[in-house]
Amino acid sequence: MSHLIREWTPEDLPAVQHVLMTTWLDAYSRFIPEEDMRTYFQQHYGLQSLQALFHAPGVSGCVAEVDGMVVGVARLQFNFQERRFYVSSLYILPEYQGRGLGMELMRASEMHAVAYNDD
């Protein structure tokens, strides 16, 4: 298994959508109707919304790739008013969980936080 942790790019957004929806369905479908999740998803994580989020001030992200495929994502947010850095979400496709990719995304997030702190 060849893997890579890197910053996300606009070209990654469809893969990010796939990771988000797949993990949501796996985690929440037992108690949230799928139709409700899909409606919320389209309103907040449609491609246009993700593109706006990608370009929002203080927002950044990292993806985890395995064999060239995006299998995880961490969305990062620097709150300028609070001067605090947050990992606002972290998702790994269910079949890739337990392999340390989440921890590696957290380490990459820490590097982003340090970079914001240095500015």
PDB file of N, CA and C in Angstrom:
ATOM      1  N   MET A   1       0.849  -1.187   0.000  1.00  0.00           N
ATOM      2  CA  MET A   1       0.000   0.000   0.000  1.00  0.00           C
ATOM      3  C   MET A   1       0.886   1.238   0.000  1.00  0.00           C
ATOM      4  N   SER A   2       0.916   1.937  -1.113  1.00  0.00           N
ATOM      5  CA  SER A   2       1.642   3.188  -1.229  1.00  0.00           C
ATOM      6  C   SER A   2       0.699   4.322  -0.852  1.00  0.00           C
ATOM      7  N   HIS A   3       1.110   5.170   0.093  1.00  0.00           N
ATOM      8  CA  HIS A   3       0.218   6.264   0.484  1.00  0.00           C
ATOM      9  C   HIS A   3       0.965   7.588   0.558  1.00  0.00           C
ATOM     10  N   LEU A   4       0.178   8.659   0.494  1.00  0.00           N
ATOM     11  CA  LEU A   4       0.700  10.012   0.472  1.00  0.00           C
ATOM     12  C   LEU A   4      -0.287  10.914   1.191  1.00  0.00           C
ATOM     13  N   ILE A   5       0.223  11.808   2.032  1.00  0.00           N
ATOM     14  CA  ILE A   5      -0.582  12.855   2.669  1.00  0.00           C
ATOM     15  C   ILE A   5      -0.136  14.166   2.031  1.00  0.00           C
ATOM     16  N   ARG A   6      -1.097  14.931   1.511  1.00  0.00           N
ATOM     17  CA  ARG A   6      -0.749  16.179   0.825  1.00  0.00           C
ATOM     18  C   ARG A   6      -1.884  17.185   0.975  1.00  0.00           C
ATOM     19  N   GLU A   7      -1.572  18.434   0.615  1.00  0.00           N
ATOM     20  CA  GLU A   7      -2.614  19.464   0.617  1.00  0.00           C
ATOM     21  C   GLU A   7      -3.630  19.148  -0.469  1.00  0.00           C
ATOM     22  N   TRP A   8      -4.887  19.510  -0.189  1.00  0.00           N
ATOM     23  CA  TRP A   8      -5.909  19.289  -1.213  1.00  0.00           C
ATOM     24  C   TRP A   8      -5.789  20.335  -2.299  1.00  0.00           C
ATOM     25  N   THR A   9      -6.325  20.007  -3.451  1.00  0.00           N
ATOM     26  CA  THR A   9      -6.350  20.913  -4.601  1.00  0.00           C
ATOM     27  C   THR A   9      -7.793  20.989  -5.094  1.00  0.00           C
ATOM     28  N   PRO A  10      -8.118  21.974  -5.915  1.00  0.00           N
ATOM     29  CA  PRO A  10      -9.482  22.033  -6.473  1.00  0.00           C
ATOM     30  C   PRO A  10      -9.860  20.760  -7.240  1.00  0.00           C
ATOM     31  N   GLU A  11      -8.880  20.127  -7.853  1.00  0.00           N
ATOM     32  CA  GLU A  11      -9.152  18.895  -8.600  1.00  0.00           C
ATOM     33  C   GLU A  11      -9.569  17.741  -7.685  1.00  0.00           C
ATOM     34  N   ASP A  12      -9.250  17.843  -6.398  1.00  0.00           N
ATOM     35  CA  ASP A  12      -9.601  16.793  -5.431  1.00  0.00           C
ATOM     36  C   ASP A  12     -11.055  16.864  -4.970  1.00  0.00           C
ATOM     37  N   LEU A  13     -11.746  17.954  -5.237  1.00  0.00           N
ATOM     38  CA  LEU A  13     -13.064  18.158  -4.638  1.00  0.00           C
ATOM     39  C   LEU A  13     -14.083  17.064  -4.959  1.00  0.00           C
ATOM     40  N   PRO A  14     -14.159  16.529  -6.178  1.00  0.00           N
ATOM     41  CA  PRO A  14     -15.081  15.401  -6.386  1.00  0.00           C
ATOM     42  C   PRO A  14     -14.729  14.180  -5.531  1.00  0.00           C
ATOM     43  N   ALA A  15     -13.437  13.910  -5.363  1.00  0.00           N
ATOM     44  CA  ALA A  15     -13.020  12.791  -4.511  1.00  0.00           C
ATOM     45  C   ALA A  15     -13.330  13.081  -3.046  1.00  0.00           C
ATOM     46  N   VAL A  16     -13.172  14.339  -2.638  1.00  0.00           N
ATOM     47  CA  VAL A  16     -13.528  14.739  -1.271  1.00  0.00           C
ATOM     48  C   VAL A  16     -15.018  14.501  -1.047  1.00  0.00           C
ATOM     49  N   GLN A  17     -15.836  14.880  -2.018  1.00  0.00           N
ATOM     50  CA  GLN A  17     -17.278  14.617  -1.915  1.00  0.00           C
ATOM     51  C   GLN A  17     -17.543  13.125  -1.716  1.00  0.00           C
ATOM     52  N   HIS A  18     -16.874  12.300  -2.487  1.00  0.00           N
ATOM     53  CA  HIS A  18     -17.064  10.854  -2.382  1.00  0.00           C
ATOM     54  C   HIS A  18     -16.693  10.350  -0.983  1.00  0.00           C
ATOM     55  N   VAL A  19     -15.564  10.795  -0.457  1.00  0.00           N
ATOM     56  CA  VAL A  19     -15.142  10.376   0.885  1.00  0.00           C
ATOM     57  C   VAL A  19     -16.171  10.814   1.919  1.00  0.00           C
ATOM     58  N   LEU A  20     -16.611  12.064   1.836  1.00  0.00           N
ATOM     59  CA  LEU A  20     -17.596  12.567   2.801  1.00  0.00           C
ATOM     60  C   LEU A  20     -18.884  11.756   2.761  1.00  0.00           C
ATOM     61  N   MET A  21     -19.464  11.601   1.584  1.00  0.00           N
ATOM     62  CA  MET A  21     -20.747  10.900   1.494  1.00  0.00           C
ATOM     63  C   MET A  21     -20.624   9.445   1.910  1.00  0.00           C
ATOM     64  N   THR A  22     -19.577   8.783   1.490  1.00  0.00           N
ATOM     65  CA  THR A  22     -19.403   7.369   1.838  1.00  0.00           C
ATOM     66  C   THR A  22     -19.266   7.184   3.342  1.00  0.00           C
ATOM     67  N   THR A  23     -18.467   8.033   3.978  1.00  0.00           N
ATOM     68  CA  THR A  23     -18.290   7.890   5.428  1.00  0.00           C
ATOM     69  C   THR A  23     -19.555   8.291   6.178  1.00  0.00           C
ATOM     70  N   TRP A  24     -20.264   9.305   5.698  1.00  0.00           N
ATOM     71  CA  TRP A  24     -21.538   9.681   6.326  1.00  0.00           C
ATOM     72  C   TRP A  24     -22.513   8.520   6.289  1.00  0.00           C
ATOM     73  N   LEU A  25     -22.675   7.929   5.113  1.00  0.00           N
ATOM     74  CA  LEU A  25     -23.620   6.825   4.978  1.00  0.00           C
ATOM     75  C   LEU A  25     -23.233   5.664   5.901  1.00  0.00           C
ATOM     76  N   ASP A  26     -21.941   5.381   5.967  1.00  0.00           N
ATOM     77  CA  ASP A  26     -21.486   4.290   6.826  1.00  0.00           C
ATOM     78  C   ASP A  26     -21.741   4.587   8.305  1.00  0.00           C
ATOM     79  N   ALA A  27     -21.487   5.814   8.711  1.00  0.00           N
ATOM     80  CA  ALA A  27     -21.586   6.163  10.132  1.00  0.00           C
ATOM     81  C   ALA A  27     -22.998   6.480  10.603  1.00  0.00           C
ATOM     82  N   TYR A  28     -23.806   7.109   9.755  1.00  0.00           N
ATOM     83  CA  TYR A  28     -25.068   7.666  10.239  1.00  0.00           C
ATOM     84  C   TYR A  28     -26.334   7.019   9.680  1.00  0.00           C
ATOM     85  N   SER A  29     -26.214   6.160   8.684  1.00  0.00           N
ATOM     86  CA  SER A  29     -27.419   5.650   8.023  1.00  0.00           C
ATOM     87  C   SER A  29     -28.291   4.781   8.924  1.00  0.00           C
ATOM     88  N   ARG A  30     -27.753   4.314  10.025  1.00  0.00           N
ATOM     89  CA  ARG A  30     -28.556   3.504  10.947  1.00  0.00           C
ATOM     90  C   ARG A  30     -29.597   4.333  11.689  1.00  0.00           C
ATOM     91  N   PHE A  31     -29.362   5.658  11.781  1.00  0.00           N
ATOM     92  CA  PHE A  31     -30.317   6.467  12.548  1.00  0.00           C
ATOM     93  C   PHE A  31     -30.718   7.781  11.885  1.00  0.00           C
ATOM     94  N   ILE A  32     -30.154   8.101  10.732  1.00  0.00           N
ATOM     95  CA  ILE A  32     -30.581   9.270   9.962  1.00  0.00           C
ATOM     96  C   ILE A  32     -31.009   8.766   8.589  1.00  0.00           C
ATOM     97  N   PRO A  33     -32.217   9.099   8.158  1.00  0.00           N
ATOM     98  CA  PRO A  33     -32.656   8.639   6.836  1.00  0.00           C
ATOM     99  C   PRO A  33     -31.692   9.104   5.737  1.00  0.00           C
ATOM    100  N   GLU A  34     -31.381   8.198   4.829  1.00  0.00           N
ATOM    101  CA  GLU A  34     -30.433   8.499   3.758  1.00  0.00           C
ATOM    102  C   GLU A  34     -30.870   9.712   2.944  1.00  0.00           C
ATOM    103  N   GLU A  35     -32.158   9.840   2.687  1.00  0.00           N
ATOM    104  CA  GLU A  35     -32.657  10.993   1.921  1.00  0.00           C
ATOM    105  C   GLU A  35     -32.321  12.301   2.632  1.00  0.00           C
ATOM    106  N   ASP A  36     -32.450  12.332   3.957  1.00  0.00           N
ATOM    107  CA  ASP A  36     -32.110  13.538   4.726  1.00  0.00           C
ATOM    108  C   ASP A  36     -30.617  13.857   4.602  1.00  0.00           C
ATOM    109  N   MET A  37     -29.782  12.821   4.684  1.00  0.00           N
ATOM    110  CA  MET A  37     -28.340  13.045   4.560  1.00  0.00           C
ATOM    111  C   MET A  37     -27.987  13.582   3.174  1.00  0.00           C
ATOM    112  N   ARG A  38     -28.578  12.996   2.159  1.00  0.00           N
ATOM    113  CA  ARG A  38     -28.266  13.430   0.790  1.00  0.00           C
ATOM    114  C   ARG A  38     -28.731  14.866   0.539  1.00  0.00           C
ATOM    115  N   THR A  39     -29.885  15.237   1.087  1.00  0.00           N
ATOM    116  CA  THR A  39     -30.379  16.608   0.945  1.00  0.00           C
ATOM    117  C   THR A  39     -29.434  17.590   1.627  1.00  0.00           C
ATOM    118  N   TYR A  40     -29.053  17.293   2.864  1.00  0.00           N
ATOM    119  CA  TYR A  40     -28.124  18.146   3.602  1.00  0.00           C
ATOM    120  C   TYR A  40     -26.791  18.230   2.846  1.00  0.00           C
ATOM    121  N   PHE A  41     -26.320  17.082   2.391  1.00  0.00           N
ATOM    122  CA  PHE A  41     -25.053  17.020   1.677  1.00  0.00           C
ATOM    123  C   PHE A  41     -25.073  17.923   0.450  1.00  0.00           C
ATOM    124  N   GLN A  42     -26.116  17.844  -0.350  1.00  0.00           N
ATOM    125  CA  GLN A  42     -26.200  18.667  -1.559  1.00  0.00           C
ATOM    126  C   GLN A  42     -26.243  20.154  -1.226  1.00  0.00           C
ATOM    127  N   GLN A  43     -26.892  20.504  -0.125  1.00  0.00           N
ATOM    128  CA  GLN A  43     -26.985  21.917   0.266  1.00  0.00           C
ATOM    129  C   GLN A  43     -25.645  22.450   0.756  1.00  0.00           C
ATOM    130  N   HIS A  44     -24.890  21.633   1.486  1.00  0.00           N
ATOM    131  CA  HIS A  44     -23.684  22.125   2.150  1.00  0.00           C
ATOM    132  C   HIS A  44     -22.373  21.636   1.537  1.00  0.00           C
ATOM    133  N   TYR A  45     -22.427  20.540   0.793  1.00  0.00           N
ATOM    134  CA  TYR A  45     -21.201  19.968   0.236  1.00  0.00           C
ATOM    135  C   TYR A  45     -21.315  19.649  -1.245  1.00  0.00           C
ATOM    136  N   GLY A  46     -22.237  20.310  -1.934  1.00  0.00           N
ATOM    137  CA  GLY A  46     -22.278  20.218  -3.385  1.00  0.00           C
ATOM    138  C   GLY A  46     -20.987  20.795  -3.930  1.00  0.00           C
ATOM    139  N   LEU A  47     -20.677  20.521  -5.165  1.00  0.00           N
ATOM    140  CA  LEU A  47     -19.397  20.947  -5.733  1.00  0.00           C
ATOM    141  C   LEU A  47     -19.207  22.460  -5.644  1.00  0.00           C
ATOM    142  N   GLN A  48     -20.268  23.215  -5.896  1.00  0.00           N
ATOM    143  CA  GLN A  48     -20.165  24.678  -5.822  1.00  0.00           C
ATOM    144  C   GLN A  48     -19.862  25.129  -4.384  1.00  0.00           C
ATOM    145  N   SER A  49     -20.511  24.505  -3.402  1.00  0.00           N
ATOM    146  CA  SER A  49     -20.252  24.844  -1.995  1.00  0.00           C
ATOM    147  C   SER A  49     -18.836  24.479  -1.594  1.00  0.00           C
ATOM    148  N   LEU A  50     -18.366  23.323  -2.044  1.00  0.00           N
ATOM    149  CA  LEU A  50     -16.991  22.921  -1.726  1.00  0.00           C
ATOM    150  C   LEU A  50     -15.978  23.848  -2.373  1.00  0.00           C
ATOM    151  N   GLN A  51     -16.255  24.302  -3.584  1.00  0.00           N
ATOM    152  CA  GLN A  51     -15.341  25.235  -4.241  1.00  0.00           C
ATOM    153  C   GLN A  51     -15.265  26.549  -3.461  1.00  0.00           C
ATOM    154  N   ALA A  52     -16.407  27.042  -2.989  1.00  0.00           N
ATOM    155  CA  ALA A  52     -16.411  28.263  -2.181  1.00  0.00           C
ATOM    156  C   ALA A  52     -15.651  28.044  -0.884  1.00  0.00           C
ATOM    157  N   LEU A  53     -15.858  26.890  -0.264  1.00  0.00           N
ATOM    158  CA  LEU A  53     -15.152  26.566   0.971  1.00  0.00           C
ATOM    159  C   LEU A  53     -13.653  26.493   0.722  1.00  0.00           C
ATOM    160  N   PHE A  54     -13.267  25.879  -0.379  1.00  0.00           N
ATOM    161  CA  PHE A  54     -11.850  25.744  -0.726  1.00  0.00           C
ATOM    162  C   PHE A  54     -11.166  27.107  -0.802  1.00  0.00           C
ATOM    163  N   HIS A  55     -11.883  28.102  -1.306  1.00  0.00           N
ATOM    164  CA  HIS A  55     -11.301  29.432  -1.490  1.00  0.00           C
ATOM    165  C   HIS A  55     -11.564  30.380  -0.319  1.00  0.00           C
ATOM    166  N   ALA A  56     -12.231  29.922   0.716  1.00  0.00           N
ATOM    167  CA  ALA A  56     -12.541  30.781   1.865  1.00  0.00           C
ATOM    168  C   ALA A  56     -11.274  31.094   2.659  1.00  0.00           C
ATOM    169  N   PRO A  57     -11.162  32.322   3.152  1.00  0.00           N
ATOM    170  CA  PRO A  57      -9.993  32.686   3.954  1.00  0.00           C
ATOM    171  C   PRO A  57      -9.887  31.796   5.201  1.00  0.00           C
ATOM    172  N   GLY A  58      -8.674  31.345   5.468  1.00  0.00           N
ATOM    173  CA  GLY A  58      -8.424  30.552   6.657  1.00  0.00           C
ATOM    174  C   GLY A  58      -8.747  29.075   6.528  1.00  0.00           C
ATOM    175  N   VAL A  59      -9.328  28.667   5.405  1.00  0.00           N
ATOM    176  CA  VAL A  59      -9.673  27.262   5.203  1.00  0.00           C
ATOM    177  C   VAL A  59      -8.584  26.594   4.378  1.00  0.00           C
ATOM    178  N   SER A  60      -8.191  25.422   4.807  1.00  0.00           N
ATOM    179  CA  SER A  60      -7.261  24.604   4.050  1.00  0.00           C
ATOM    180  C   SER A  60      -7.627  23.148   4.288  1.00  0.00           C
ATOM    181  N   GLY A  61      -6.903  22.272   3.677  1.00  0.00           N
ATOM    182  CA  GLY A  61      -7.216  20.868   3.864  1.00  0.00           C
ATOM    183  C   GLY A  61      -6.098  19.981   3.363  1.00  0.00           C
ATOM    184  N   CYS A  62      -6.152  18.747   3.807  1.00  0.00           N
ATOM    185  CA  CYS A  62      -5.211  17.723   3.385  1.00  0.00           C
ATOM    186  C   CYS A  62      -5.994  16.490   2.962  1.00  0.00           C
ATOM    187  N   VAL A  63      -5.411  15.744   2.060  1.00  0.00           N
ATOM    188  CA  VAL A  63      -6.007  14.476   1.672  1.00  0.00           C
ATOM    189  C   VAL A  63      -5.000  13.363   1.902  1.00  0.00           C
ATOM    190  N   ALA A  64      -5.543  12.176   2.124  1.00  0.00           N
ATOM    191  CA  ALA A  64      -4.743  10.960   2.200  1.00  0.00           C
ATOM    192  C   ALA A  64      -5.014  10.184   0.914  1.00  0.00           C
ATOM    193  N   GLU A  65      -3.958   9.837   0.222  1.00  0.00           N
ATOM    194  CA  GLU A  65      -4.063   9.047  -1.002  1.00  0.00           C
ATOM    195  C   GLU A  65      -3.469   7.670  -0.757  1.00  0.00           C
ATOM    196  N   VAL A  66      -4.117   6.664  -1.274  1.00  0.00           N
ATOM    197  CA  VAL A  66      -3.569   5.315  -1.282  1.00  0.00           C
ATOM    198  C   VAL A  66      -3.573   4.849  -2.726  1.00  0.00           C
ATOM    199  N   ASP A  67      -2.402   4.478  -3.202  1.00  0.00           N
ATOM    200  CA  ASP A  67      -2.246   4.041  -4.592  1.00  0.00           C
ATOM    201  C   ASP A  67      -2.903   5.014  -5.564  1.00  0.00           C
ATOM    202  N   GLY A  68      -2.720   6.324  -5.302  1.00  0.00           N
ATOM    203  CA  GLY A  68      -3.219   7.364  -6.187  1.00  0.00           C
ATOM    204  C   GLY A  68      -4.673   7.742  -6.023  1.00  0.00           C
ATOM    205  N   MET A  69      -5.390   7.104  -5.094  1.00  0.00           N
ATOM    206  CA  MET A  69      -6.811   7.394  -4.879  1.00  0.00           C
ATOM    207  C   MET A  69      -7.007   8.104  -3.533  1.00  0.00           C
ATOM    208  N   VAL A  70      -7.781   9.203  -3.540  1.00  0.00           N
ATOM    209  CA  VAL A  70      -8.072   9.917  -2.297  1.00  0.00           C
ATOM    210  C   VAL A  70      -9.000   9.049  -1.451  1.00  0.00           C
ATOM    211  N   VAL A  71      -8.532   8.730  -0.228  1.00  0.00           N
ATOM    212  CA  VAL A  71      -9.308   7.867   0.665  1.00  0.00           C
ATOM    213  C   VAL A  71      -9.609   8.545   1.999  1.00  0.00           C
ATOM    214  N   GLY A  72      -9.074   9.756   2.197  1.00  0.00           N
ATOM    215  CA  GLY A  72      -9.316  10.469   3.436  1.00  0.00           C
ATOM    216  C   GLY A  72      -9.123  11.955   3.236  1.00  0.00           C
ATOM    217  N   VAL A  73      -9.737  12.718   4.135  1.00  0.00           N
ATOM    218  CA  VAL A  73      -9.646  14.177   4.041  1.00  0.00           C
ATOM    219  C   VAL A  73      -9.730  14.793   5.434  1.00  0.00           C
ATOM    220  N   ALA A  74      -8.953  15.842   5.629  1.00  0.00           N
ATOM    221  CA  ALA A  74      -9.044  16.667   6.842  1.00  0.00           C
ATOM    222  C   ALA A  74      -9.288  18.098   6.385  1.00  0.00           C
ATOM    223  N   ARG A  75     -10.358  18.704   6.906  1.00  0.00           N
ATOM    224  CA  ARG A  75     -10.627  20.111   6.605  1.00  0.00           C
ATOM    225  C   ARG A  75     -10.138  20.922   7.789  1.00  0.00           C
ATOM    226  N   LEU A  76      -9.370  21.955   7.504  1.00  0.00           N
ATOM    227  CA  LEU A  76      -8.717  22.760   8.530  1.00  0.00           C
ATOM    228  C   LEU A  76      -9.237  24.182   8.466  1.00  0.00           C
ATOM    229  N   GLN A  77      -9.303  24.814   9.614  1.00  0.00           N
ATOM    230  CA  GLN A  77      -9.863  26.170   9.678  1.00  0.00           C
ATOM    231  C   GLN A  77      -9.059  26.991  10.677  1.00  0.00           C
ATOM    232  N   PHE A  78      -8.561  28.123  10.212  1.00  0.00           N
ATOM    233  CA  PHE A  78      -7.941  29.074  11.125  1.00  0.00           C
ATOM    234  C   PHE A  78      -8.950  30.167  11.400  1.00  0.00           C
ATOM    235  N   ASN A  79      -9.289  30.349  12.672  1.00  0.00           N
ATOM    236  CA  ASN A  79     -10.218  31.395  13.068  1.00  0.00           C
ATOM    237  C   ASN A  79      -9.396  32.636  13.395  1.00  0.00           C
ATOM    238  N   PHE A  80      -9.455  33.624  12.517  1.00  0.00           N
ATOM    239  CA  PHE A  80      -8.629  34.823  12.660  1.00  0.00           C
ATOM    240  C   PHE A  80      -8.993  35.617  13.906  1.00  0.00           C
ATOM    241  N   GLN A  81     -10.269  35.664  14.233  1.00  0.00           N
ATOM    242  CA  GLN A  81     -10.711  36.423  15.391  1.00  0.00           C
ATOM    243  C   GLN A  81     -10.190  35.805  16.686  1.00  0.00           C
ATOM    244  N   GLU A  82     -10.261  34.505  16.795  1.00  0.00           N
ATOM    245  CA  GLU A  82      -9.799  33.804  18.000  1.00  0.00           C
ATOM    246  C   GLU A  82      -8.296  33.536  17.979  1.00  0.00           C
ATOM    247  N   ARG A  83      -7.700  33.618  16.760  1.00  0.00           N
ATOM    248  CA  ARG A  83      -6.297  33.225  16.553  1.00  0.00           C
ATOM    249  C   ARG A  83      -6.086  31.773  16.963  1.00  0.00           C
ATOM    250  N   ARG A  84      -7.059  30.936  16.571  1.00  0.00           N
ATOM    251  CA  ARG A  84      -7.000  29.501  16.861  1.00  0.00           C
ATOM    252  C   ARG A  84      -7.150  28.710  15.563  1.00  0.00           C
ATOM    253  N   PHE A  85      -6.525  27.554  15.561  1.00  0.00           N
ATOM    254  CA  PHE A  85      -6.546  26.650  14.417  1.00  0.00           C
ATOM    255  C   PHE A  85      -7.349  25.409  14.788  1.00  0.00           C
ATOM    256  N   TYR A  86      -8.252  25.012  13.905  1.00  0.00           N
ATOM    257  CA  TYR A  86      -9.122  23.870  14.177  1.00  0.00           C
ATOM    258  C   TYR A  86      -9.016  22.830  13.072  1.00  0.00           C
ATOM    259  N   VAL A  87      -9.095  21.582  13.457  1.00  0.00           N
ATOM    260  CA  VAL A  87      -9.370  20.509  12.506  1.00  0.00           C
ATOM    261  C   VAL A  87     -10.885  20.372  12.562  1.00  0.00           C
ATOM    262  N   SER A  88     -11.559  20.891  11.561  1.00  0.00           N
ATOM    263  CA  SER A  88     -13.021  20.946  11.622  1.00  0.00           C
ATOM    264  C   SER A  88     -13.671  19.644  11.182  1.00  0.00           C
ATOM    265  N   SER A  89     -12.964  18.826  10.416  1.00  0.00           N
ATOM    266  CA  SER A  89     -13.493  17.497  10.091  1.00  0.00           C
ATOM    267  C   SER A  89     -12.355  16.614   9.598  1.00  0.00           C
ATOM    268  N   LEU A  90     -12.523  15.332   9.836  1.00  0.00           N
ATOM    269  CA  LEU A  90     -11.554  14.348   9.378  1.00  0.00           C
ATOM    270  C   LEU A  90     -12.326  13.079   9.034  1.00  0.00           C
ATOM    271  N   TYR A  91     -12.196  12.627   7.802  1.00  0.00           N
ATOM    272  CA  TYR A  91     -12.921  11.448   7.327  1.00  0.00           C
ATOM    273  C   TYR A  91     -11.973  10.511   6.592  1.00  0.00           C
ATOM    274  N   ILE A  92     -12.116   9.232   6.860  1.00  0.00           N
ATOM    275  CA  ILE A  92     -11.369   8.185   6.166  1.00  0.00           C
ATOM    276  C   ILE A  92     -12.382   7.165   5.665  1.00  0.00           C
ATOM    277  N   LEU A  93     -12.280   6.772   4.408  1.00  0.00           N
ATOM    278  CA  LEU A  93     -13.187   5.736   3.899  1.00  0.00           C
ATOM    279  C   LEU A  93     -13.136   4.510   4.822  1.00  0.00           C
ATOM    280  N   PRO A  94     -14.293   3.907   5.094  1.00  0.00           N
ATOM    281  CA  PRO A  94     -14.345   2.800   6.060  1.00  0.00           C
ATOM    282  C   PRO A  94     -13.325   1.692   5.806  1.00  0.00           C
ATOM    283  N   GLU A  95     -13.124   1.313   4.561  1.00  0.00           N
ATOM    284  CA  GLU A  95     -12.206   0.211   4.274  1.00  0.00           C
ATOM    285  C   GLU A  95     -10.736   0.573   4.474  1.00  0.00           C
ATOM    286  N   TYR A  96     -10.435   1.869   4.710  1.00  0.00           N
ATOM    287  CA  TYR A  96      -9.066   2.303   4.946  1.00  0.00           C
ATOM    288  C   TYR A  96      -8.836   2.748   6.389  1.00  0.00           C
ATOM    289  N   GLN A  97      -9.854   2.660   7.216  1.00  0.00           N
ATOM    290  CA  GLN A  97      -9.708   3.023   8.622  1.00  0.00           C
ATOM    291  C   GLN A  97      -8.848   1.976   9.332  1.00  0.00           C
ATOM    292  N   GLY A  98      -8.177   2.420  10.384  1.00  0.00           N
ATOM    293  CA  GLY A  98      -7.335   1.521  11.161  1.00  0.00           C
ATOM    294  C   GLY A  98      -5.944   1.315  10.591  1.00  0.00           C
ATOM    295  N   ARG A  99      -5.572   2.105   9.610  1.00  0.00           N
ATOM    296  CA  ARG A  99      -4.253   1.967   8.970  1.00  0.00           C
ATOM    297  C   ARG A  99      -3.317   3.119   9.329  1.00  0.00           C
ATOM    298  N   GLY A 100      -3.731   4.004  10.214  1.00  0.00           N
ATOM    299  CA  GLY A 100      -2.888   5.125  10.621  1.00  0.00           C
ATOM    300  C   GLY A 100      -3.009   6.362   9.754  1.00  0.00           C
ATOM    301  N   LEU A 101      -3.901   6.338   8.766  1.00  0.00           N
ATOM    302  CA  LEU A 101      -4.037   7.496   7.876  1.00  0.00           C
ATOM    303  C   LEU A 101      -4.615   8.705   8.605  1.00  0.00           C
ATOM    304  N   GLY A 102      -5.535   8.485   9.507  1.00  0.00           N
ATOM    305  CA  GLY A 102      -6.102   9.583  10.291  1.00  0.00           C
ATOM    306  C   GLY A 102      -5.039  10.263  11.133  1.00  0.00           C
ATOM    307  N   MET A 103      -4.167   9.468  11.746  1.00  0.00           N
ATOM    308  CA  MET A 103      -3.076  10.035  12.542  1.00  0.00           C
ATOM    309  C   MET A 103      -2.133  10.842  11.651  1.00  0.00           C
ATOM    310  N   GLU A 104      -1.873  10.341  10.455  1.00  0.00           N
ATOM    311  CA  GLU A 104      -1.003  11.091   9.545  1.00  0.00           C
ATOM    312  C   GLU A 104      -1.659  12.394   9.094  1.00  0.00           C
ATOM    313  N   LEU A 105      -2.971  12.375   8.874  1.00  0.00           N
ATOM    314  CA  LEU A 105      -3.672  13.618   8.545  1.00  0.00           C
ATOM    315  C   LEU A 105      -3.607  14.596   9.721  1.00  0.00           C
ATOM    316  N   MET A 106      -3.690  14.082  10.942  1.00  0.00           N
ATOM    317  CA  MET A 106      -3.577  14.956  12.121  1.00  0.00           C
ATOM    318  C   MET A 106      -2.171  15.565  12.207  1.00  0.00           C
ATOM    319  N   ARG A 107      -1.151  14.793  11.905  1.00  0.00           N
ATOM    320  CA  ARG A 107       0.224  15.329  11.907  1.00  0.00           C
ATOM    321  C   ARG A 107       0.380  16.424  10.849  1.00  0.00           C
ATOM    322  N   ALA A 108      -0.184  16.194   9.673  1.00  0.00           N
ATOM    323  CA  ALA A 108      -0.129  17.222   8.624  1.00  0.00           C
ATOM    324  C   ALA A 108      -0.896  18.466   9.071  1.00  0.00           C
ATOM    325  N   SER A 109      -2.002  18.272   9.760  1.00  0.00           N
ATOM    326  CA  SER A 109      -2.789  19.392  10.282  1.00  0.00           C
ATOM    327  C   SER A 109      -1.973  20.190  11.290  1.00  0.00           C
ATOM    328  N   GLU A 110      -1.221  19.491  12.102  1.00  0.00           N
ATOM    329  CA  GLU A 110      -0.366  20.159  13.083  1.00  0.00           C
ATOM    330  C   GLU A 110       0.664  21.047  12.382  1.00  0.00           C
ATOM    331  N   MET A 111       1.202  20.570  11.276  1.00  0.00           N
ATOM    332  CA  MET A 111       2.165  21.374  10.514  1.00  0.00           C
ATOM    333  C   MET A 111       1.513  22.646   9.987  1.00  0.00           C
ATOM    334  N   HIS A 112       0.257  22.532   9.536  1.00  0.00           N
ATOM    335  CA  HIS A 112      -0.486  23.714   9.075  1.00  0.00           C
ATOM    336  C   HIS A 112      -0.679  24.690  10.236  1.00  0.00           C
ATOM    337  N   ALA A 113      -1.019  24.178  11.398  1.00  0.00           N
ATOM    338  CA  ALA A 113      -1.241  25.036  12.572  1.00  0.00           C
ATOM    339  C   ALA A 113       0.038  25.787  12.923  1.00  0.00           C
ATOM    340  N   VAL A 114       1.154  25.107  12.890  1.00  0.00           N
ATOM    341  CA  VAL A 114       2.436  25.744  13.185  1.00  0.00           C
ATOM    342  C   VAL A 114       2.716  26.843  12.168  1.00  0.00           C
ATOM    343  N   ALA A 115       2.426  26.584  10.904  1.00  0.00           N
ATOM    344  CA  ALA A 115       2.644  27.589   9.862  1.00  0.00           C
ATOM    345  C   ALA A 115       1.787  28.836  10.104  1.00  0.00           C
ATOM    346  N   TYR A 116       0.527  28.641  10.514  1.00  0.00           N
ATOM    347  CA  TYR A 116      -0.328  29.796  10.821  1.00  0.00           C
ATOM    348  C   TYR A 116       0.199  30.545  12.036  1.00  0.00           C
ATOM    349  N   ASN A 117       0.718  29.832  13.001  1.00  0.00           N
ATOM    350  CA  ASN A 117       1.229  30.450  14.212  1.00  0.00           C
ATOM    351  C   ASN A 117       2.477  31.280  13.927  1.00  0.00           C
ATOM    352  N   ASP A 118       3.246  30.859  12.916  1.00  0.00           N
ATOM    353  CA  ASP A 118       4.475  31.572  12.563  1.00  0.00           C
ATOM    354  C   ASP A 118       4.194  32.872  11.821  1.00  0.00           C
ATOM    355  N   ASP A 119       2.999  32.998  11.248  1.00  0.00           N
ATOM    356  CA  ASP A 119       2.676  34.208  10.464  1.00  0.00           C
ATOM    357  C   ASP A 119       2.428  35.410  11.333  1.00  0.00           C
TER     358      ASP A 119
END
